[in-house]
Amino acid sequence: MRKGVLEMCILSTLQNQDAYASDIIDKLKEGKMIVVEGTLYPLLTRLKNAGLLSYRWEESKSGPPRKYYSISTEGKAFLDELQITWEELVKAVEVTTAKKTKS
């Protein structure tokens, strides 16, 4: 389940702008989704191989070239599906965990 949530968070992070891997990690950490590079890179590779992400190399002023990731058209469609499924899951959990009030 966590892997699916991380994939949704990665795609959401890239929805509005391209990002370098360390930027993605920072964003996930900001949301308390503690992730290390050893977890992130396999996910990025899997998403890229599935056609949901692409990347480009960009020269860096302070070191080697950097790989920037971007969400593909297919990735945006997949993210839309994930968000619908997430909303349905949240509603289902809320219904099953809601406290009953006495009438």
N, C-alpha and C. Protein backbone atom coordinates (compact mmCIF):
# COMPACT_ATOMS: atom_id res chain seq x y z
N MET A 1 0.83 -1.20 0.00
CA MET A 1 0.00 0.00 0.00
C MET A 1 0.87 1.26 0.00
N ARG A 2 1.93 1.22 0.81
CA ARG A 2 2.81 2.40 0.90
C ARG A 2 3.44 2.72 -0.45
N LYS A 3 3.84 1.66 -1.20
CA LYS A 3 4.44 1.88 -2.51
C LYS A 3 3.48 2.63 -3.42
N GLY A 4 2.21 2.25 -3.43
CA GLY A 4 1.22 2.93 -4.25
C GLY A 4 1.02 4.37 -3.85
N VAL A 5 1.04 4.61 -2.54
CA VAL A 5 0.90 5.98 -2.05
C VAL A 5 2.12 6.81 -2.45
N LEU A 6 3.30 6.22 -2.34
CA LEU A 6 4.52 6.94 -2.74
C LEU A 6 4.49 7.27 -4.22
N GLU A 7 4.04 6.33 -5.04
CA GLU A 7 3.94 6.59 -6.48
C GLU A 7 2.99 7.76 -6.74
N MET A 8 1.86 7.78 -6.04
CA MET A 8 0.91 8.88 -6.22
C MET A 8 1.54 10.21 -5.78
N CYS A 9 2.28 10.19 -4.68
CA CYS A 9 2.93 11.41 -4.19
C CYS A 9 4.01 11.89 -5.17
N ILE A 10 4.76 10.97 -5.74
CA ILE A 10 5.79 11.35 -6.72
C ILE A 10 5.13 11.98 -7.94
N LEU A 11 4.11 11.33 -8.48
CA LEU A 11 3.42 11.88 -9.65
C LEU A 11 2.80 13.23 -9.33
N SER A 12 2.24 13.36 -8.14
CA SER A 12 1.64 14.65 -7.73
C SER A 12 2.69 15.74 -7.64
N THR A 13 3.86 15.39 -7.12
CA THR A 13 4.95 16.35 -7.00
C THR A 13 5.37 16.87 -8.38
N LEU A 14 5.33 15.99 -9.37
CA LEU A 14 5.76 16.36 -10.72
C LEU A 14 4.64 16.94 -11.57
N GLN A 15 3.45 16.98 -11.02
CA GLN A 15 2.28 17.44 -11.77
C GLN A 15 2.43 18.88 -12.26
N ASN A 16 3.03 19.73 -11.46
CA ASN A 16 3.12 21.15 -11.80
C ASN A 16 4.50 21.61 -12.28
N GLN A 17 5.53 20.81 -11.99
CA GLN A 17 6.87 21.21 -12.44
C GLN A 17 7.81 20.01 -12.42
N ASP A 18 8.80 20.05 -13.28
CA ASP A 18 9.83 19.02 -13.31
C ASP A 18 10.65 19.14 -12.02
N ALA A 19 11.28 18.03 -11.64
CA ALA A 19 12.05 18.06 -10.40
C ALA A 19 13.23 17.11 -10.45
N TYR A 20 14.26 17.49 -9.75
CA TYR A 20 15.45 16.69 -9.53
C TYR A 20 15.13 15.71 -8.40
N ALA A 21 15.78 14.55 -8.38
CA ALA A 21 15.45 13.52 -7.38
C ALA A 21 15.52 14.05 -5.94
N SER A 22 16.53 14.84 -5.63
CA SER A 22 16.64 15.35 -4.25
C SER A 22 15.49 16.29 -3.92
N ASP A 23 14.96 17.01 -4.92
CA ASP A 23 13.79 17.86 -4.69
C ASP A 23 12.56 17.01 -4.37
N ILE A 24 12.44 15.88 -5.05
CA ILE A 24 11.32 14.96 -4.79
C ILE A 24 11.43 14.41 -3.37
N ILE A 25 12.63 14.00 -2.99
CA ILE A 25 12.84 13.48 -1.62
C ILE A 25 12.49 14.55 -0.59
N ASP A 26 12.93 15.78 -0.81
CA ASP A 26 12.62 16.87 0.12
C ASP A 26 11.12 17.06 0.26
N LYS A 27 10.41 17.03 -0.86
CA LYS A 27 8.95 17.22 -0.83
C LYS A 27 8.29 16.08 -0.06
N LEU A 28 8.74 14.84 -0.29
CA LEU A 28 8.17 13.70 0.42
C LEU A 28 8.47 13.79 1.92
N LYS A 29 9.66 14.21 2.27
CA LYS A 29 10.01 14.37 3.69
C LYS A 29 9.17 15.47 4.33
N GLU A 30 8.92 16.53 3.57
CA GLU A 30 8.08 17.63 4.06
C GLU A 30 6.69 17.12 4.44
N GLY A 31 6.21 16.14 3.69
CA GLY A 31 4.90 15.54 3.97
C GLY A 31 4.97 14.36 4.93
N LYS A 32 6.11 14.20 5.59
CA LYS A 32 6.33 13.10 6.56
C LYS A 32 6.34 11.73 5.91
N MET A 33 6.60 11.70 4.60
CA MET A 33 6.74 10.43 3.88
C MET A 33 8.25 10.16 3.78
N ILE A 34 8.83 9.73 4.87
CA ILE A 34 10.28 9.57 4.95
C ILE A 34 10.74 8.59 3.87
N VAL A 35 11.59 9.08 2.99
CA VAL A 35 12.07 8.29 1.87
C VAL A 35 13.57 8.53 1.72
N VAL A 36 14.28 7.48 1.39
CA VAL A 36 15.71 7.59 1.11
C VAL A 36 15.94 7.32 -0.37
N GLU A 37 17.10 7.68 -0.85
CA GLU A 37 17.40 7.49 -2.27
C GLU A 37 17.23 6.05 -2.70
N GLY A 38 17.58 5.11 -1.82
CA GLY A 38 17.46 3.69 -2.15
C GLY A 38 16.03 3.24 -2.38
N THR A 39 15.08 4.00 -1.87
CA THR A 39 13.66 3.73 -2.09
C THR A 39 13.16 4.49 -3.32
N LEU A 40 13.61 5.72 -3.46
CA LEU A 40 13.10 6.59 -4.52
C LEU A 40 13.52 6.15 -5.92
N TYR A 41 14.79 5.86 -6.11
CA TYR A 41 15.28 5.58 -7.46
C TYR A 41 14.61 4.37 -8.11
N PRO A 42 14.39 3.26 -7.40
CA PRO A 42 13.65 2.15 -8.03
C PRO A 42 12.22 2.54 -8.42
N LEU A 43 11.58 3.36 -7.59
CA LEU A 43 10.23 3.84 -7.93
C LEU A 43 10.25 4.72 -9.17
N LEU A 44 11.22 5.62 -9.25
CA LEU A 44 11.33 6.48 -10.43
C LEU A 44 11.59 5.65 -11.69
N THR A 45 12.44 4.64 -11.57
CA THR A 45 12.72 3.77 -12.71
C THR A 45 11.47 3.01 -13.14
N ARG A 46 10.74 2.48 -12.18
CA ARG A 46 9.51 1.74 -12.50
C ARG A 46 8.49 2.65 -13.17
N LEU A 47 8.33 3.86 -12.66
CA LEU A 47 7.38 4.80 -13.25
C LEU A 47 7.80 5.21 -14.66
N LYS A 48 9.12 5.38 -14.85
CA LYS A 48 9.64 5.72 -16.18
C LYS A 48 9.41 4.56 -17.15
N ASN A 49 9.71 3.34 -16.71
CA ASN A 49 9.54 2.17 -17.57
C ASN A 49 8.08 1.91 -17.92
N ALA A 50 7.18 2.34 -17.05
CA ALA A 50 5.74 2.21 -17.31
C ALA A 50 5.22 3.33 -18.20
N GLY A 51 6.07 4.27 -18.55
CA GLY A 51 5.66 5.38 -19.42
C GLY A 51 4.97 6.51 -18.69
N LEU A 52 5.05 6.51 -17.36
CA LEU A 52 4.37 7.54 -16.57
C LEU A 52 5.25 8.75 -16.30
N LEU A 53 6.56 8.57 -16.45
CA LEU A 53 7.53 9.65 -16.26
C LEU A 53 8.51 9.66 -17.44
N SER A 54 9.14 10.80 -17.60
CA SER A 54 10.28 10.89 -18.51
C SER A 54 11.32 11.72 -17.77
N TYR A 55 12.51 11.80 -18.34
CA TYR A 55 13.54 12.61 -17.72
C TYR A 55 14.41 13.26 -18.78
N ARG A 56 15.13 14.26 -18.34
CA ARG A 56 16.08 14.93 -19.21
C ARG A 56 17.31 15.27 -18.38
N TRP A 57 18.45 15.32 -19.03
CA TRP A 57 19.69 15.72 -18.36
C TRP A 57 19.87 17.21 -18.54
N GLU A 58 20.27 17.87 -17.47
CA GLU A 58 20.50 19.31 -17.52
C GLU A 58 21.86 19.61 -16.88
N GLU A 59 22.64 20.42 -17.56
CA GLU A 59 23.95 20.79 -17.03
C GLU A 59 23.78 21.54 -15.71
N SER A 60 24.71 21.29 -14.80
CA SER A 60 24.69 21.95 -13.50
C SER A 60 25.89 22.88 -13.39
N LYS A 61 25.69 24.03 -12.78
CA LYS A 61 26.78 24.99 -12.59
C LYS A 61 27.72 24.53 -11.48
N SER A 62 27.25 23.62 -10.63
CA SER A 62 28.05 23.23 -9.47
C SER A 62 28.39 21.74 -9.43
N GLY A 63 28.51 21.11 -10.59
CA GLY A 63 28.87 19.70 -10.57
C GLY A 63 28.41 18.98 -11.83
N PRO A 64 28.22 17.68 -11.72
CA PRO A 64 27.82 16.90 -12.91
C PRO A 64 26.40 17.23 -13.35
N PRO A 65 26.04 16.81 -14.57
CA PRO A 65 24.67 17.05 -15.04
C PRO A 65 23.65 16.41 -14.10
N ARG A 66 22.47 16.99 -14.06
CA ARG A 66 21.39 16.49 -13.20
C ARG A 66 20.27 15.92 -14.04
N LYS A 67 19.64 14.89 -13.52
CA LYS A 67 18.51 14.26 -14.19
C LYS A 67 17.22 14.86 -13.61
N TYR A 68 16.45 15.52 -14.45
CA TYR A 68 15.17 16.10 -14.04
C TYR A 68 14.04 15.24 -14.56
N TYR A 69 13.11 14.93 -13.68
CA TYR A 69 11.97 14.08 -14.03
C TYR A 69 10.75 14.94 -14.33
N SER A 70 9.91 14.45 -15.24
CA SER A 70 8.65 15.12 -15.54
C SER A 70 7.58 14.05 -15.74
N ILE A 71 6.36 14.43 -15.47
CA ILE A 71 5.23 13.50 -15.63
C ILE A 71 4.81 13.50 -17.10
N SER A 72 4.48 12.33 -17.61
CA SER A 72 4.04 12.21 -19.01
C SER A 72 2.52 12.38 -19.08
N THR A 73 2.00 12.43 -20.28
CA THR A 73 0.55 12.51 -20.47
C THR A 73 -0.11 11.28 -19.85
N GLU A 74 0.50 10.11 -20.08
CA GLU A 74 -0.03 8.88 -19.49
C GLU A 74 0.04 8.95 -17.96
N GLY A 75 1.11 9.55 -17.45
CA GLY A 75 1.26 9.70 -16.02
C GLY A 75 0.19 10.60 -15.42
N LYS A 76 -0.17 11.65 -16.14
CA LYS A 76 -1.24 12.54 -15.65
C LYS A 76 -2.57 11.80 -15.60
N ALA A 77 -2.85 11.00 -16.62
CA ALA A 77 -4.10 10.23 -16.65
C ALA A 77 -4.11 9.20 -15.51
N PHE A 78 -2.97 8.56 -15.30
CA PHE A 78 -2.85 7.57 -14.23
C PHE A 78 -3.02 8.24 -12.87
N LEU A 79 -2.44 9.42 -12.70
CA LEU A 79 -2.57 10.17 -11.44
C LEU A 79 -4.03 10.52 -11.19
N ASP A 80 -4.75 10.93 -12.22
CA ASP A 80 -6.18 11.21 -12.06
C ASP A 80 -6.92 9.99 -11.53
N GLU A 81 -6.61 8.81 -12.09
CA GLU A 81 -7.24 7.56 -11.63
C GLU A 81 -6.86 7.27 -10.18
N LEU A 82 -5.58 7.45 -9.85
CA LEU A 82 -5.13 7.22 -8.48
C LEU A 82 -5.84 8.13 -7.49
N GLN A 83 -6.04 9.39 -7.88
CA GLN A 83 -6.69 10.34 -6.97
C GLN A 83 -8.16 9.96 -6.74
N ILE A 84 -8.82 9.47 -7.77
CA ILE A 84 -10.21 9.01 -7.60
C ILE A 84 -10.24 7.81 -6.66
N THR A 85 -9.34 6.86 -6.89
CA THR A 85 -9.28 5.67 -6.03
C THR A 85 -8.95 6.06 -4.60
N TRP A 86 -8.04 7.03 -4.42
CA TRP A 86 -7.66 7.49 -3.09
C TRP A 86 -8.87 8.11 -2.38
N GLU A 87 -9.62 8.95 -3.08
CA GLU A 87 -10.81 9.57 -2.48
C GLU A 87 -11.84 8.52 -2.08
N GLU A 88 -12.01 7.50 -2.90
CA GLU A 88 -12.94 6.41 -2.57
C GLU A 88 -12.46 5.64 -1.34
N LEU A 89 -11.16 5.41 -1.25
CA LEU A 89 -10.60 4.71 -0.10
C LEU A 89 -10.77 5.52 1.17
N VAL A 90 -10.50 6.82 1.10
CA VAL A 90 -10.67 7.69 2.27
C VAL A 90 -12.13 7.66 2.74
N LYS A 91 -13.07 7.76 1.81
CA LYS A 91 -14.49 7.72 2.18
C LYS A 91 -14.84 6.39 2.82
N ALA A 92 -14.35 5.29 2.27
CA ALA A 92 -14.63 3.96 2.83
C ALA A 92 -14.08 3.83 4.24
N VAL A 93 -12.88 4.33 4.47
CA VAL A 93 -12.28 4.28 5.80
C VAL A 93 -13.08 5.15 6.76
N GLU A 94 -13.48 6.33 6.32
CA GLU A 94 -14.27 7.22 7.18
C GLU A 94 -15.59 6.57 7.58
N VAL A 95 -16.24 5.90 6.63
CA VAL A 95 -17.51 5.24 6.92
C VAL A 95 -17.32 4.11 7.92
N THR A 96 -16.28 3.31 7.72
CA THR A 96 -16.09 2.16 8.59
C THR A 96 -15.52 2.52 9.95
N THR A 97 -14.91 3.68 10.08
CA THR A 97 -14.33 4.07 11.36
C THR A 97 -15.14 5.14 12.08
N ALA A 98 -16.20 5.62 11.47
CA ALA A 98 -17.02 6.67 12.09
C ALA A 98 -17.69 6.13 13.35
N LYS A 99 -17.67 6.96 14.38
CA LYS A 99 -18.33 6.58 15.63
C LYS A 99 -19.83 6.80 15.50
N LYS A 100 -20.56 5.85 15.97
CA LYS A 100 -22.02 5.94 15.93
C LYS A 100 -22.50 6.83 17.08
N THR A 101 -23.47 7.68 16.78
CA THR A 101 -24.06 8.51 17.82
C THR A 101 -25.38 7.88 18.24
N LYS A 102 -25.68 7.96 19.53
CA LYS A 102 -26.91 7.39 20.05
C LYS A 102 -28.06 8.34 19.79
N SER A 103 -29.17 7.79 19.33
CA SER A 103 -30.36 8.62 19.05
C SER A 103 -31.28 8.66 20.22
